[in-house]
Amino acid sequence: MMLRSSLYVGSVFHRRLMPKPHRFRYRLFWLLIDLEELDHLDRRLKVFSHNRFNLFSLFERDHGDGGASSLRAQAQELLAANGIDTGGGPIRLLCMPRTLGYDFNPISVYFCARRDGALAALIYQVHNTFGERHSYVLPVADAQGAVRQACAKTFLVSPFLPMGLRYEFHVSPPGETLTVAIRASGPDGVVLRAALAGERRELTDAALMKAGLSAPLEAMKTTAAIHWEALRLWAKGVAYLGREGGPTPDGTRSASGPR
């Protein structure tokens, strides 16, 4: 069986423009999982498991609303609630795996396609370090080439980043390369630019081990890096805004699920 799931190896980049300049880049890797292949991947790979401990794993409760229903069913429910009909097409989840049982994904992206393979929607699920998560469900207007989307920020991510911002997404869908770029703008202009970019690898035990060695303990490193960069921002005099999250708009889901 030829896998539709794959591995992407690359880096994440953040650049804050105001009120104080700040930037960083870290090497990371991501899995792009066709949600219909989870059980097959569990059987095929030795170092990756579905809903059970391994060197690398994906627990469905780490994503979606944290409930018992499958991630595919949850994604389809979100799409339907937003008036998006994919006709039961494939859904692929881009995320970092658990490493030695530890999980943290600042952002994961569901690529939701129609039966003919054309992208119909993207679901951006954002997690913060307070154990909360929130999904932005955005239709794809033009399935050809790069995808451009925008929405209002309605969920607290960083206590150093205000609400009242607008997100603009620029996504190069999965191929030999993959890019997800985000720009956050406010009344005074662009506040933040962030992007993740990776190159495709076949999803094998050897490739996973090599990626893990290139970015060891990446989920733990990501959590530590978030707190380290927060300390650097505080040292630069950037104001700590606290937890000023806004209401959840209709058609999205927020959940405080187990980590």
Protein backbone atom coordinates (compact mmCIF):
# COMPACT_ATOMS: atom_id res chain seq x y z
CA MET A 1 0.00 0.00 0.00
CA MET A 2 1.42 3.38 -1.00
CA LEU A 3 1.18 5.86 1.87
CA ARG A 4 -0.50 9.21 1.41
CA SER A 5 0.95 10.30 4.77
CA SER A 6 4.45 11.80 4.82
CA LEU A 7 7.11 13.56 6.85
CA TYR A 8 8.25 17.18 6.49
CA VAL A 9 11.60 18.36 7.85
CA GLY A 10 12.38 22.06 8.13
CA SER A 11 12.14 24.99 10.52
CA VAL A 12 9.80 27.49 12.14
CA PHE A 13 10.47 31.24 12.02
CA HIS A 14 8.97 34.11 14.04
CA ARG A 15 9.63 37.80 13.60
CA ARG A 16 7.93 40.36 15.85
CA LEU A 17 8.01 43.90 14.45
CA MET A 18 6.41 45.90 17.27
CA PRO A 19 6.51 47.20 19.94
CA LYS A 20 10.05 45.73 20.12
CA PRO A 21 11.83 43.83 17.31
CA HIS A 22 12.32 40.16 18.13
CA ARG A 23 13.03 37.11 16.02
CA PHE A 24 13.96 33.45 16.26
CA ARG A 25 14.21 30.27 14.17
CA TYR A 26 14.18 26.63 15.29
CA ARG A 27 14.66 23.39 13.38
CA LEU A 28 11.61 21.09 13.61
CA PHE A 29 9.76 18.34 11.76
CA TRP A 30 6.09 17.54 11.20
CA LEU A 31 3.94 14.59 10.24
CA LEU A 32 1.32 15.00 7.52
CA ILE A 33 -1.13 12.25 8.45
CA ASP A 34 -3.96 11.09 6.23
CA LEU A 35 -6.53 10.46 8.97
CA GLU A 36 -7.72 7.27 7.27
CA GLU A 37 -4.20 5.82 7.55
CA LEU A 38 -3.69 6.10 11.31
CA ASP A 39 -4.28 2.43 12.10
CA HIS A 40 -2.23 1.34 9.08
CA LEU A 41 0.68 3.54 10.20
CA ASP A 42 0.45 2.01 13.68
CA ARG A 43 0.91 -1.46 12.17
CA ARG A 44 3.50 -0.50 9.57
CA LEU A 45 5.92 1.60 11.66
CA LYS A 46 7.93 0.40 14.63
CA VAL A 47 8.77 3.80 16.18
CA PHE A 48 5.33 5.40 15.68
CA SER A 49 2.04 4.44 17.33
CA HIS A 50 -1.58 5.60 17.25
CA ASN A 51 -3.14 6.27 20.68
CA ARG A 52 -0.42 4.39 22.56
CA PHE A 53 3.06 5.13 23.85
CA ASN A 54 6.06 4.91 21.55
CA LEU A 55 9.12 6.94 20.66
CA PHE A 56 6.78 8.96 18.40
CA SER A 57 3.00 8.81 18.57
CA LEU A 58 -0.24 10.57 17.79
CA PHE A 59 -2.98 10.58 20.42
CA GLU A 60 -6.26 11.82 18.98
CA ARG A 61 -7.19 13.52 22.27
CA ASP A 62 -4.25 15.92 21.74
CA HIS A 63 -6.14 17.41 18.78
CA GLY A 64 -9.68 18.39 17.86
CA ASP A 65 -11.95 18.93 20.86
CA GLY A 66 -10.22 16.30 23.00
CA GLY A 67 -13.31 14.08 22.86
CA ALA A 68 -13.82 10.42 22.03
CA SER A 69 -14.93 10.78 18.40
CA SER A 70 -12.33 10.37 15.66
CA LEU A 71 -10.40 13.37 14.35
CA ARG A 72 -11.86 12.82 10.90
CA ALA A 73 -15.41 12.89 12.29
CA GLN A 74 -14.63 16.05 14.29
CA ALA A 75 -13.15 17.77 11.23
CA GLN A 76 -16.18 16.84 9.14
CA GLU A 77 -18.46 18.24 11.85
CA LEU A 78 -16.53 21.53 11.85
CA LEU A 79 -16.71 21.73 8.07
CA ALA A 80 -20.46 21.09 8.06
CA ALA A 81 -21.03 23.69 10.77
CA ASN A 82 -19.32 26.20 8.50
CA GLY A 83 -21.29 25.23 5.39
CA ILE A 84 -18.38 23.44 3.70
CA ASP A 85 -19.14 20.20 1.85
CA THR A 86 -16.15 18.06 0.83
CA GLY A 87 -18.19 15.07 -0.27
CA GLY A 88 -16.21 12.84 2.09
CA GLY A 89 -12.84 13.70 0.54
CA PRO A 90 -9.49 13.06 2.24
CA ILE A 91 -8.39 15.00 5.32
CA ARG A 92 -4.71 15.27 6.23
CA LEU A 93 -3.43 16.62 9.54
CA LEU A 94 -0.11 18.48 9.76
CA CYS A 95 1.26 18.34 13.30
CA MET A 96 4.25 17.48 15.44
CA PRO A 97 4.04 14.00 16.98
CA ARG A 98 4.27 13.20 20.64
CA THR A 99 7.89 12.41 21.55
CA LEU A 100 8.34 9.92 24.40
CA GLY A 101 4.75 10.64 25.41
CA TYR A 102 5.03 14.45 25.50
CA ASP A 103 2.90 16.63 23.22
CA PHE A 104 2.64 20.29 22.37
CA ASN A 105 1.56 21.76 19.03
CA PRO A 106 1.38 25.58 18.86
CA ILE A 107 -0.48 25.13 15.57
CA SER A 108 -1.74 22.15 13.60
CA VAL A 109 -3.38 22.35 10.20
CA TYR A 110 -6.05 20.13 8.63
CA PHE A 111 -5.95 20.05 4.81
CA CYS A 112 -9.52 19.16 3.82
CA ALA A 113 -10.02 18.12 0.20
CA ARG A 114 -12.91 17.11 -2.01
CA ARG A 115 -13.05 13.65 -3.55
CA ASP A 116 -11.21 14.91 -6.64
CA GLY A 117 -8.30 16.03 -4.43
CA ALA A 118 -8.95 19.79 -4.73
CA LEU A 119 -8.61 21.65 -1.44
CA ALA A 120 -11.96 22.78 -0.02
CA ALA A 121 -10.92 24.19 3.36
CA LEU A 122 -8.15 24.52 5.92
CA ILE A 123 -8.67 24.17 9.65
CA TYR A 124 -6.02 25.93 11.74
CA GLN A 125 -6.05 24.63 15.30
CA VAL A 126 -4.08 26.79 17.72
CA HIS A 127 -2.93 25.64 21.16
CA ASN A 128 -1.66 27.87 23.94
CA THR A 129 0.43 27.05 27.01
CA PHE A 130 -2.65 27.43 29.26
CA GLY A 131 -3.93 24.07 27.96
CA GLU A 132 -6.55 25.61 25.65
CA ARG A 133 -7.17 25.11 21.94
CA HIS A 134 -9.19 26.82 19.26
CA SER A 135 -10.00 26.14 15.59
CA TYR A 136 -10.28 28.61 12.72
CA VAL A 137 -12.22 27.01 9.83
CA LEU A 138 -11.61 28.79 6.52
CA PRO A 139 -12.86 27.81 3.04
CA VAL A 140 -10.45 27.72 0.11
CA ALA A 141 -11.64 30.06 -2.63
CA ASP A 142 -9.15 28.93 -5.28
CA ALA A 143 -7.78 25.41 -5.09
CA GLN A 144 -5.03 26.15 -7.63
CA GLY A 145 -1.61 27.05 -6.27
CA ALA A 146 -0.96 28.93 -3.04
CA VAL A 147 -3.88 29.51 -0.66
CA ARG A 148 -4.53 32.95 0.83
CA GLN A 149 -7.00 33.35 3.70
CA ALA A 150 -7.73 35.82 6.49
CA CYS A 151 -9.76 36.07 9.70
CA ALA A 152 -9.98 38.03 12.93
CA LYS A 153 -7.96 36.83 15.92
CA THR A 154 -10.42 35.53 18.52
CA PHE A 155 -8.23 33.38 20.76
CA LEU A 156 -5.38 34.17 23.14
CA VAL A 157 -2.12 32.57 22.06
CA SER A 158 0.68 34.63 23.62
CA PRO A 159 0.13 36.92 26.63
CA PHE A 160 2.56 39.30 24.89
CA LEU A 161 0.35 39.61 21.79
CA PRO A 162 -2.87 41.67 21.98
CA MET A 163 -6.32 40.70 20.78
CA GLY A 164 -7.97 42.85 18.11
CA LEU A 165 -5.56 41.63 15.43
CA ARG A 166 -6.21 40.18 11.98
CA TYR A 167 -4.54 37.02 10.72
CA GLU A 168 -3.54 36.55 7.10
CA PHE A 169 -2.52 33.06 6.00
CA HIS A 170 -0.41 32.20 2.95
CA VAL A 171 -0.11 28.45 2.46
CA SER A 172 1.73 26.42 -0.15
CA PRO A 173 -0.14 23.08 0.04
CA PRO A 174 1.75 19.83 0.63
CA GLY A 175 3.96 18.69 -2.20
CA GLU A 176 7.72 18.25 -2.31
CA THR A 177 7.75 21.31 -0.03
CA LEU A 178 5.21 22.81 2.35
CA THR A 179 4.88 26.34 3.76
CA VAL A 180 2.40 27.84 6.22
CA ALA A 181 2.99 31.59 6.70
CA ILE A 182 0.98 33.80 9.05
CA ARG A 183 0.91 37.58 9.35
CA ALA A 184 -0.78 39.28 12.31
CA SER A 185 -1.72 42.94 11.80
CA GLY A 186 -3.31 45.61 13.96
CA PRO A 187 -4.34 49.25 13.58
CA ASP A 188 -0.69 50.37 13.46
CA GLY A 189 0.48 47.78 10.92
CA VAL A 190 2.06 44.34 10.94
CA VAL A 191 2.83 43.08 14.45
CA LEU A 192 4.11 39.59 13.77
CA ARG A 193 5.22 37.36 10.90
CA ALA A 194 5.60 33.62 11.41
CA ALA A 195 6.13 30.66 9.12
CA LEU A 196 6.86 26.98 9.10
CA ALA A 197 8.48 25.40 6.09
CA GLY A 198 9.57 21.86 5.37
CA GLU A 199 10.76 19.44 2.70
CA ARG A 200 8.95 16.17 2.12
CA ARG A 201 10.39 12.82 3.20
CA GLU A 202 8.87 9.37 2.92
CA LEU A 203 7.34 8.36 6.25
CA THR A 204 9.53 5.45 7.35
CA ASP A 205 11.09 4.37 10.63
CA ALA A 206 14.53 5.41 9.37
CA ALA A 207 13.32 8.85 8.24
CA LEU A 208 11.53 9.43 11.57
CA MET A 209 14.63 8.47 13.54
CA LYS A 210 16.80 10.77 11.42
CA ALA A 211 14.34 13.66 11.84
CA GLY A 212 14.18 13.00 15.57
CA LEU A 213 17.96 13.17 15.84
CA SER A 214 18.05 16.43 13.86
CA ALA A 215 15.45 18.01 16.18
CA PRO A 216 15.62 15.97 19.40
CA LEU A 217 12.68 16.05 21.85
CA GLU A 218 11.00 18.65 19.64
CA ALA A 219 7.71 18.91 21.56
CA MET A 220 9.58 19.50 24.83
CA LYS A 221 11.97 21.85 23.05
CA THR A 222 9.04 23.81 21.63
CA THR A 223 7.48 24.34 25.08
CA ALA A 224 10.85 25.34 26.55
CA ALA A 225 11.51 27.68 23.61
CA ILE A 226 8.13 29.42 24.07
CA HIS A 227 8.97 30.21 27.69
CA TRP A 228 12.53 31.21 26.81
CA GLU A 229 11.35 33.61 24.10
CA ALA A 230 8.71 34.99 26.51
CA LEU A 231 11.49 35.72 29.00
CA ARG A 232 13.47 37.49 26.26
CA LEU A 233 10.42 39.60 25.35
CA TRP A 234 9.88 40.54 29.00
CA ALA A 235 13.58 41.47 29.29
CA LYS A 236 13.15 43.77 26.27
CA GLY A 237 10.33 45.58 28.04
CA VAL A 238 7.40 44.13 26.06
CA ALA A 239 4.28 44.36 28.24
CA TYR A 240 2.77 41.16 29.66
CA LEU A 241 -0.92 41.44 28.79
CA GLY A 242 -2.25 38.46 30.73
CA ARG A 243 -5.09 36.19 29.68
CA GLU A 244 -7.38 38.52 27.79
CA GLY A 245 -8.91 35.91 25.43
CA GLY A 246 -12.08 36.87 23.60
CA PRO A 247 -15.29 34.94 22.95
CA THR A 248 -15.42 31.97 20.64
CA PRO A 249 -17.24 32.81 17.40
CA ASP A 250 -19.92 30.53 15.96
CA GLY A 251 -18.65 27.65 13.88
CA THR A 252 -15.44 26.98 15.84
CA ARG A 253 -14.53 24.84 18.77
CA SER A 254 -12.47 25.54 21.86
CA ALA A 255 -11.49 22.86 24.33
CA SER A 256 -9.29 22.40 27.36
CA GLY A 257 -8.32 18.81 26.70
CA PRO A 258 -5.66 16.63 28.35
CA ARG A 259 -2.07 17.13 27.39
